[in-house]
Amino acid sequence: MMRKIIGKIIDMVLPPVKAEEASKEADGEAPPKSELKTISLEQLLGGDAPKEPDLRVIGLYSAVEDEKVAELTQALIYLNEVNRLLPEDKEKKPVEFYINTYGGSADDMFALYDVMQTVMEETEIHTIGVGKVMSAGTLLLAAGTKGKRKIGKNCRIMIHNVSSGNFGILPNLANELEAIQRLQEDYIAAMVENTKFTRKKLEKLLNEKVNIYLDAEEAIKYGLADEIM
């Protein structure tokens, strides 16, 4: 989607070379090169420019890691900016965010989570869980606009404790343990805020099992989603 948007911008900024100019260039009489013009979002939304992107759909079909999170962050910020610059009488459209992931980095999960919270102050994010939504993906699914979070009938949800694979000398391991404990507390707090889990219930589940698997109906029961697709 972002490639299409970027392609449209490039086409608007750099118009195609006319046949006459191409002929002159072939004869060694190249015309003077035109200066590169910049274009703003305000210009994109006015005149003959597209009023808004054709699609407002983004997807996480991979691990929750820095490169993918950076791509999703840029897409969310851009789509939110498009909404922000629309005229007051123009309906602001939500972003549909499809999630299918085994999970990934807790730090990258919180990076995307924080951006989502900021964007949702102006633009709704409708999260849709499909296939598998596990580990770091569960918080992202739950973090969507309440009442607009969907889940596939056959989607599998998995929740577990924050984990770390760090090795090293004892003082470093002690520091890492303290950092992981803080991440675990932040994760539990965010899950409690965005679902129907109480802290007591969630901590009990996390302490009882290594991985907690839920089906679509259980995900709705615990407030990770609002309806089955």
C-alpha atoms as a PDB file:
ATOM      1  CA  MET A   1       0.000   0.000   0.000  1.00  0.00           C
ATOM      2  CA  MET A   2       2.751   2.435   0.953  1.00  0.00           C
ATOM      3  CA  ARG A   3       4.563   1.656  -2.326  1.00  0.00           C
ATOM      4  CA  LYS A   4       1.427   2.619  -4.272  1.00  0.00           C
ATOM      5  CA  ILE A   5       1.100   5.863  -2.318  1.00  0.00           C
ATOM      6  CA  ILE A   6       4.776   6.671  -2.820  1.00  0.00           C
ATOM      7  CA  GLY A   7       4.401   5.823  -6.518  1.00  0.00           C
ATOM      8  CA  LYS A   8       1.518   8.290  -6.842  1.00  0.00           C
ATOM      9  CA  ILE A   9       3.550  10.997  -5.134  1.00  0.00           C
ATOM     10  CA  ILE A  10       6.524  10.389  -7.441  1.00  0.00           C
ATOM     11  CA  ASP A  11       4.271  10.541 -10.513  1.00  0.00           C
ATOM     12  CA  MET A  12       2.901  13.884  -9.322  1.00  0.00           C
ATOM     13  CA  VAL A  13       6.310  15.334  -8.498  1.00  0.00           C
ATOM     14  CA  LEU A  14       8.131  14.043 -11.611  1.00  0.00           C
ATOM     15  CA  PRO A  15       5.844  14.207 -14.682  1.00  0.00           C
ATOM     16  CA  PRO A  16       6.720  11.893 -17.609  1.00  0.00           C
ATOM     17  CA  VAL A  17       9.127  13.197 -20.272  1.00  0.00           C
ATOM     18  CA  LYS A  18       7.285  14.463 -23.339  1.00  0.00           C
ATOM     19  CA  ALA A  19       7.993  12.863 -26.754  1.00  0.00           C
ATOM     20  CA  GLU A  20       9.392  16.153 -28.106  1.00  0.00           C
ATOM     21  CA  GLU A  21      11.832  16.461 -25.237  1.00  0.00           C
ATOM     22  CA  ALA A  22      12.857  12.834 -25.621  1.00  0.00           C
ATOM     23  CA  SER A  23      13.592  13.450 -29.332  1.00  0.00           C
ATOM     24  CA  LYS A  24      15.758  16.466 -28.562  1.00  0.00           C
ATOM     25  CA  GLU A  25      17.645  14.503 -25.965  1.00  0.00           C
ATOM     26  CA  ALA A  26      18.299  11.738 -28.499  1.00  0.00           C
ATOM     27  CA  ASP A  27      19.706  14.338 -30.959  1.00  0.00           C
ATOM     28  CA  GLY A  28      22.053  15.664 -28.303  1.00  0.00           C
ATOM     29  CA  GLU A  29      19.913  18.736 -27.653  1.00  0.00           C
ATOM     30  CA  ALA A  30      18.755  17.832 -24.206  1.00  0.00           C
ATOM     31  CA  PRO A  31      16.449  20.466 -22.720  1.00  0.00           C
ATOM     32  CA  PRO A  32      17.391  22.030 -19.400  1.00  0.00           C
ATOM     33  CA  LYS A  33      16.454  19.798 -16.505  1.00  0.00           C
ATOM     34  CA  SER A  34      13.546  21.045 -14.441  1.00  0.00           C
ATOM     35  CA  GLU A  35      14.052  21.560 -10.755  1.00  0.00           C
ATOM     36  CA  LEU A  36      12.733  18.875  -8.425  1.00  0.00           C
ATOM     37  CA  LYS A  37       9.577  20.136  -6.729  1.00  0.00           C
ATOM     38  CA  THR A  38       8.505  19.063  -3.285  1.00  0.00           C
ATOM     39  CA  ILE A  39       4.877  18.385  -2.446  1.00  0.00           C
ATOM     40  CA  SER A  40       3.158  18.555   0.908  1.00  0.00           C
ATOM     41  CA  LEU A  41       0.265  16.570   2.335  1.00  0.00           C
ATOM     42  CA  GLU A  42      -1.847  19.730   2.087  1.00  0.00           C
ATOM     43  CA  GLN A  43      -1.164  19.806  -1.673  1.00  0.00           C
ATOM     44  CA  LEU A  44      -1.984  16.117  -1.949  1.00  0.00           C
ATOM     45  CA  LEU A  45      -5.388  16.806  -0.447  1.00  0.00           C
ATOM     46  CA  GLY A  46      -6.201  19.735  -2.756  1.00  0.00           C
ATOM     47  CA  GLY A  47      -6.789  20.365  -6.448  1.00  0.00           C
ATOM     48  CA  ASP A  48      -6.541  17.326  -8.703  1.00  0.00           C
ATOM     49  CA  ALA A  49      -4.578  15.325  -6.123  1.00  0.00           C
ATOM     50  CA  PRO A  50      -6.222  12.260  -4.565  1.00  0.00           C
ATOM     51  CA  LYS A  51      -8.354  13.281  -1.625  1.00  0.00           C
ATOM     52  CA  GLU A  52      -7.273  10.265   0.409  1.00  0.00           C
ATOM     53  CA  PRO A  53      -5.485   6.921  -0.019  1.00  0.00           C
ATOM     54  CA  ASP A  54      -7.485   4.231  -1.832  1.00  0.00           C
ATOM     55  CA  LEU A  55      -6.837   1.808   1.009  1.00  0.00           C
ATOM     56  CA  ARG A  56      -6.472   2.251   4.739  1.00  0.00           C
ATOM     57  CA  VAL A  57      -5.393  -1.323   5.429  1.00  0.00           C
ATOM     58  CA  ILE A  58      -2.113  -2.375   7.039  1.00  0.00           C
ATOM     59  CA  GLY A  59      -0.984  -5.817   8.109  1.00  0.00           C
ATOM     60  CA  LEU A  60       1.402  -7.598  10.426  1.00  0.00           C
ATOM     61  CA  TYR A  61       2.125 -10.997   8.876  1.00  0.00           C
ATOM     62  CA  SER A  62       5.542 -11.513  10.381  1.00  0.00           C
ATOM     63  CA  ALA A  63       7.453 -11.284  13.627  1.00  0.00           C
ATOM     64  CA  VAL A  64       7.069  -8.156  15.752  1.00  0.00           C
ATOM     65  CA  GLU A  65      10.520  -6.722  15.085  1.00  0.00           C
ATOM     66  CA  ASP A  66      12.129  -3.355  14.415  1.00  0.00           C
ATOM     67  CA  GLU A  67      11.945  -3.174  10.599  1.00  0.00           C
ATOM     68  CA  LYS A  68       8.309  -4.251  10.402  1.00  0.00           C
ATOM     69  CA  VAL A  69       7.336  -2.037  13.328  1.00  0.00           C
ATOM     70  CA  ALA A  70       9.052   0.922  11.626  1.00  0.00           C
ATOM     71  CA  GLU A  71       7.032   0.273   8.443  1.00  0.00           C
ATOM     72  CA  LEU A  72       3.742   0.022  10.352  1.00  0.00           C
ATOM     73  CA  THR A  73       4.553   3.103  12.418  1.00  0.00           C
ATOM     74  CA  GLN A  74       5.171   5.198   9.295  1.00  0.00           C
ATOM     75  CA  ALA A  75       1.929   3.931   7.727  1.00  0.00           C
ATOM     76  CA  LEU A  76      -0.113   4.766  10.837  1.00  0.00           C
ATOM     77  CA  ILE A  77       1.382   8.245  11.133  1.00  0.00           C
ATOM     78  CA  TYR A  78       0.764   8.952   7.437  1.00  0.00           C
ATOM     79  CA  LEU A  79      -2.865   7.746   7.496  1.00  0.00           C
ATOM     80  CA  ASN A  80      -3.532   9.691  10.668  1.00  0.00           C
ATOM     81  CA  GLU A  81      -2.061  12.819   9.074  1.00  0.00           C
ATOM     82  CA  VAL A  82      -4.330  12.349   6.058  1.00  0.00           C
ATOM     83  CA  ASN A  83      -7.324  12.201   8.397  1.00  0.00           C
ATOM     84  CA  ARG A  84      -6.120  15.211  10.348  1.00  0.00           C
ATOM     85  CA  LEU A  85      -5.859  17.364   7.230  1.00  0.00           C
ATOM     86  CA  LEU A  86      -9.286  16.477   5.864  1.00  0.00           C
ATOM     87  CA  PRO A  87     -11.942  19.220   5.951  1.00  0.00           C
ATOM     88  CA  GLU A  88     -14.109  19.251   9.062  1.00  0.00           C
ATOM     89  CA  ASP A  89     -17.169  18.096   7.096  1.00  0.00           C
ATOM     90  CA  LYS A  90     -15.261  15.123   5.656  1.00  0.00           C
ATOM     91  CA  GLU A  91     -15.724  11.806   7.455  1.00  0.00           C
ATOM     92  CA  LYS A  92     -12.520  10.449   8.933  1.00  0.00           C
ATOM     93  CA  LYS A  93     -12.005   6.832   8.006  1.00  0.00           C
ATOM     94  CA  PRO A  94     -10.482   4.211  10.331  1.00  0.00           C
ATOM     95  CA  VAL A  95      -7.369   2.150   9.722  1.00  0.00           C
ATOM     96  CA  GLU A  96      -7.904  -1.606   9.423  1.00  0.00           C
ATOM     97  CA  PHE A  97      -5.003  -3.464  11.012  1.00  0.00           C
ATOM     98  CA  TYR A  98      -4.759  -7.200  10.242  1.00  0.00           C
ATOM     99  CA  ILE A  99      -2.604  -9.236  12.636  1.00  0.00           C
ATOM    100  CA  ASN A 100      -1.195 -12.735  12.068  1.00  0.00           C
ATOM    101  CA  THR A 101       1.994 -13.310  14.047  1.00  0.00           C
ATOM    102  CA  TYR A 102       3.842 -15.690  16.330  1.00  0.00           C
ATOM    103  CA  GLY A 103       5.026 -12.658  18.317  1.00  0.00           C
ATOM    104  CA  GLY A 104       8.437 -11.099  18.741  1.00  0.00           C
ATOM    105  CA  SER A 105      10.240  -8.415  20.705  1.00  0.00           C
ATOM    106  CA  ALA A 106       8.489  -6.924  23.743  1.00  0.00           C
ATOM    107  CA  ASP A 107      10.292  -3.608  23.178  1.00  0.00           C
ATOM    108  CA  ASP A 108       9.098  -3.410  19.564  1.00  0.00           C
ATOM    109  CA  MET A 109       5.616  -4.446  20.695  1.00  0.00           C
ATOM    110  CA  PHE A 110       5.493  -1.469  23.072  1.00  0.00           C
ATOM    111  CA  ALA A 111       6.892   0.850  20.389  1.00  0.00           C
ATOM    112  CA  LEU A 112       3.963   0.021  18.085  1.00  0.00           C
ATOM    113  CA  TYR A 113       1.507  -0.027  20.997  1.00  0.00           C
ATOM    114  CA  ASP A 114       2.460   3.523  22.034  1.00  0.00           C
ATOM    115  CA  VAL A 115       2.117   4.791  18.451  1.00  0.00           C
ATOM    116  CA  MET A 116      -1.308   3.155  18.202  1.00  0.00           C
ATOM    117  CA  GLN A 117      -2.451   4.882  21.386  1.00  0.00           C
ATOM    118  CA  THR A 118      -1.352   8.259  20.020  1.00  0.00           C
ATOM    119  CA  VAL A 119      -2.934   7.729  16.595  1.00  0.00           C
ATOM    120  CA  MET A 120      -6.241   6.620  18.132  1.00  0.00           C
ATOM    121  CA  GLU A 121      -6.678  10.054  19.662  1.00  0.00           C
ATOM    122  CA  GLU A 122      -7.732  11.134  16.144  1.00  0.00           C
ATOM    123  CA  THR A 123      -8.105   7.986  14.034  1.00  0.00           C
ATOM    124  CA  GLU A 124      -9.786   4.707  14.919  1.00  0.00           C
ATOM    125  CA  ILE A 125      -7.717   1.534  14.467  1.00  0.00           C
ATOM    126  CA  HIS A 126      -9.836  -1.552  13.828  1.00  0.00           C
ATOM    127  CA  THR A 127      -7.691  -4.570  14.680  1.00  0.00           C
ATOM    128  CA  ILE A 128      -8.477  -7.925  13.053  1.00  0.00           C
ATOM    129  CA  GLY A 129      -6.845 -11.125  14.305  1.00  0.00           C
ATOM    130  CA  VAL A 130      -6.531 -13.903  11.729  1.00  0.00           C
ATOM    131  CA  GLY A 131      -4.771 -17.261  11.711  1.00  0.00           C
ATOM    132  CA  LYS A 132      -2.614 -16.877  14.790  1.00  0.00           C
ATOM    133  CA  VAL A 133      -2.152 -13.998  17.205  1.00  0.00           C
ATOM    134  CA  MET A 134       0.464 -14.950  19.758  1.00  0.00           C
ATOM    135  CA  SER A 135       2.797 -13.466  22.339  1.00  0.00           C
ATOM    136  CA  ALA A 136       3.452  -9.796  21.473  1.00  0.00           C
ATOM    137  CA  GLY A 137       0.608  -9.861  18.942  1.00  0.00           C
ATOM    138  CA  THR A 138      -2.067 -10.322  21.621  1.00  0.00           C
ATOM    139  CA  LEU A 139      -1.577  -6.870  23.136  1.00  0.00           C
ATOM    140  CA  LEU A 140      -1.618  -5.264  19.678  1.00  0.00           C
ATOM    141  CA  LEU A 141      -4.928  -6.971  18.887  1.00  0.00           C
ATOM    142  CA  ALA A 142      -6.433  -5.892  22.209  1.00  0.00           C
ATOM    143  CA  ALA A 143      -5.112  -2.329  21.795  1.00  0.00           C
ATOM    144  CA  GLY A 144      -7.423  -1.503  18.879  1.00  0.00           C
ATOM    145  CA  THR A 145     -10.460   0.765  19.117  1.00  0.00           C
ATOM    146  CA  LYS A 146     -12.867  -0.820  21.597  1.00  0.00           C
ATOM    147  CA  GLY A 147     -15.980  -2.237  19.981  1.00  0.00           C
ATOM    148  CA  LYS A 148     -14.193  -2.503  16.612  1.00  0.00           C
ATOM    149  CA  ARG A 149     -11.773  -5.370  17.295  1.00  0.00           C
ATOM    150  CA  LYS A 150     -12.496  -8.513  15.283  1.00  0.00           C
ATOM    151  CA  ILE A 151     -11.123 -12.040  15.248  1.00  0.00           C
ATOM    152  CA  GLY A 152     -11.309 -14.865  12.741  1.00  0.00           C
ATOM    153  CA  LYS A 153     -13.424 -17.844  13.739  1.00  0.00           C
ATOM    154  CA  ASN A 154     -10.403 -20.154  13.503  1.00  0.00           C
ATOM    155  CA  CYS A 155      -7.816 -17.749  14.899  1.00  0.00           C
ATOM    156  CA  ARG A 156      -5.591 -19.049  17.714  1.00  0.00           C
ATOM    157  CA  ILE A 157      -4.567 -16.747  20.543  1.00  0.00           C
ATOM    158  CA  MET A 158      -1.564 -17.428  22.761  1.00  0.00           C
ATOM    159  CA  ILE A 159      -0.460 -15.481  25.833  1.00  0.00           C
ATOM    160  CA  HIS A 160       2.671 -16.073  27.877  1.00  0.00           C
ATOM    161  CA  ASN A 161       5.162 -14.354  30.155  1.00  0.00           C
ATOM    162  CA  VAL A 162       7.759 -11.946  28.805  1.00  0.00           C
ATOM    163  CA  SER A 163      10.941 -13.930  28.142  1.00  0.00           C
ATOM    164  CA  SER A 164      14.618 -13.221  27.584  1.00  0.00           C
ATOM    165  CA  GLY A 165      17.523 -15.156  26.105  1.00  0.00           C
ATOM    166  CA  ASN A 166      20.357 -13.092  27.564  1.00  0.00           C
ATOM    167  CA  PHE A 167      23.545 -14.682  28.866  1.00  0.00           C
ATOM    168  CA  GLY A 168      26.537 -13.268  30.671  1.00  0.00           C
ATOM    169  CA  ILE A 169      28.152 -12.686  34.031  1.00  0.00           C
ATOM    170  CA  LEU A 170      26.025 -12.696  37.168  1.00  0.00           C
ATOM    171  CA  PRO A 171      25.796  -8.878  37.699  1.00  0.00           C
ATOM    172  CA  ASN A 172      24.590  -8.440  34.109  1.00  0.00           C
ATOM    173  CA  LEU A 173      22.063 -11.233  34.499  1.00  0.00           C
ATOM    174  CA  ALA A 174      20.744  -9.568  37.654  1.00  0.00           C
ATOM    175  CA  ASN A 175      20.292  -6.312  35.735  1.00  0.00           C
ATOM    176  CA  GLU A 176      18.576  -8.159  32.889  1.00  0.00           C
ATOM    177  CA  LEU A 177      16.242  -9.885  35.335  1.00  0.00           C
ATOM    178  CA  GLU A 178      15.207  -6.532  36.789  1.00  0.00           C
ATOM    179  CA  ALA A 179      14.551  -5.155  33.292  1.00  0.00           C
ATOM    180  CA  ILE A 180      12.483  -8.207  32.331  1.00  0.00           C
ATOM    181  CA  GLN A 181      10.451  -7.882  35.514  1.00  0.00           C
ATOM    182  CA  ARG A 182       9.643  -4.249  34.617  1.00  0.00           C
ATOM    183  CA  LEU A 183       8.623  -5.310  31.115  1.00  0.00           C
ATOM    184  CA  GLN A 184       6.419  -8.020  32.604  1.00  0.00           C
ATOM    185  CA  GLU A 185       4.715  -5.475  34.867  1.00  0.00           C
ATOM    186  CA  ASP A 186       4.170  -3.088  31.960  1.00  0.00           C
ATOM    187  CA  TYR A 187       2.765  -5.921  29.833  1.00  0.00           C
ATOM    188  CA  ILE A 188       0.338  -7.038  32.538  1.00  0.00           C
ATOM    189  CA  ALA A 189      -0.776  -3.452  33.168  1.00  0.00           C
ATOM    190  CA  ALA A 190      -1.410  -2.862  29.434  1.00  0.00           C
ATOM    191  CA  MET A 191      -3.304  -6.133  29.073  1.00  0.00           C
ATOM    192  CA  VAL A 192      -5.488  -5.354  32.074  1.00  0.00           C
ATOM    193  CA  GLU A 193      -6.208  -1.882  30.669  1.00  0.00           C
ATOM    194  CA  ASN A 194      -7.224  -3.191  27.238  1.00  0.00           C
ATOM    195  CA  THR A 195      -9.045  -6.447  28.110  1.00  0.00           C
ATOM    196  CA  LYS A 196     -11.464  -7.890  30.641  1.00  0.00           C
ATOM    197  CA  PHE A 197      -8.633  -9.604  32.517  1.00  0.00           C
ATOM    198  CA  THR A 198      -8.149  -8.601  36.108  1.00  0.00           C
ATOM    199  CA  ARG A 199      -4.569  -8.454  37.315  1.00  0.00           C
ATOM    200  CA  LYS A 200      -5.223 -11.371  39.667  1.00  0.00           C
ATOM    201  CA  LYS A 201      -6.721 -13.547  36.917  1.00  0.00           C
ATOM    202  CA  LEU A 202      -4.000 -12.784  34.398  1.00  0.00           C
ATOM    203  CA  GLU A 203      -1.159 -13.341  36.859  1.00  0.00           C
ATOM    204  CA  LYS A 204      -2.730 -16.648  37.905  1.00  0.00           C
ATOM    205  CA  LEU A 205      -2.928 -17.839  34.311  1.00  0.00           C
ATOM    206  CA  LEU A 206       0.637 -16.751  33.560  1.00  0.00           C
ATOM    207  CA  ASN A 207       1.954 -18.517  36.664  1.00  0.00           C
ATOM    208  CA  GLU A 208       0.055 -21.740  35.965  1.00  0.00           C
ATOM    209  CA  LYS A 209       1.056 -22.357  32.335  1.00  0.00           C
ATOM    210  CA  VAL A 210       3.969 -21.668  30.043  1.00  0.00           C
ATOM    211  CA  ASN A 211       1.687 -20.842  27.111  1.00  0.00           C
ATOM    212  CA  ILE A 212      -2.023 -20.049  27.405  1.00  0.00           C
ATOM    213  CA  TYR A 213      -4.037 -20.861  24.273  1.00  0.00           C
ATOM    214  CA  LEU A 214      -7.459 -19.347  23.620  1.00  0.00           C
ATOM    215  CA  ASP A 215      -9.921 -19.818  20.780  1.00  0.00           C
ATOM    216  CA  ALA A 216     -11.934 -17.004  19.201  1.00  0.00           C
ATOM    217  CA  GLU A 217     -14.847 -17.263  21.634  1.00  0.00           C
ATOM    218  CA  GLU A 218     -12.514 -17.257  24.646  1.00  0.00           C
ATOM    219  CA  ALA A 219     -10.682 -14.248  23.201  1.00  0.00           C
ATOM    220  CA  ILE A 220     -13.988 -12.367  23.161  1.00  0.00           C
ATOM    221  CA  LYS A 221     -14.857 -13.611  26.651  1.00  0.00           C
ATOM    222  CA  TYR A 222     -11.614 -12.156  28.009  1.00  0.00           C
ATOM    223  CA  GLY A 223     -11.936  -8.911  26.045  1.00  0.00           C
ATOM    224  CA  LEU A 224      -9.070  -9.400  23.578  1.00  0.00           C
ATOM    225  CA  ALA A 225     -11.570  -8.857  20.737  1.00  0.00           C
ATOM    226  CA  ASP A 226     -15.188  -7.765  20.397  1.00  0.00           C
ATOM    227  CA  GLU A 227     -16.662  -9.960  17.681  1.00  0.00           C
ATOM    228  CA  ILE A 228     -15.976 -12.913  15.376  1.00  0.00           C
ATOM    229  CA  MET A 229     -15.588 -12.073  11.692  1.00  0.00           C
END
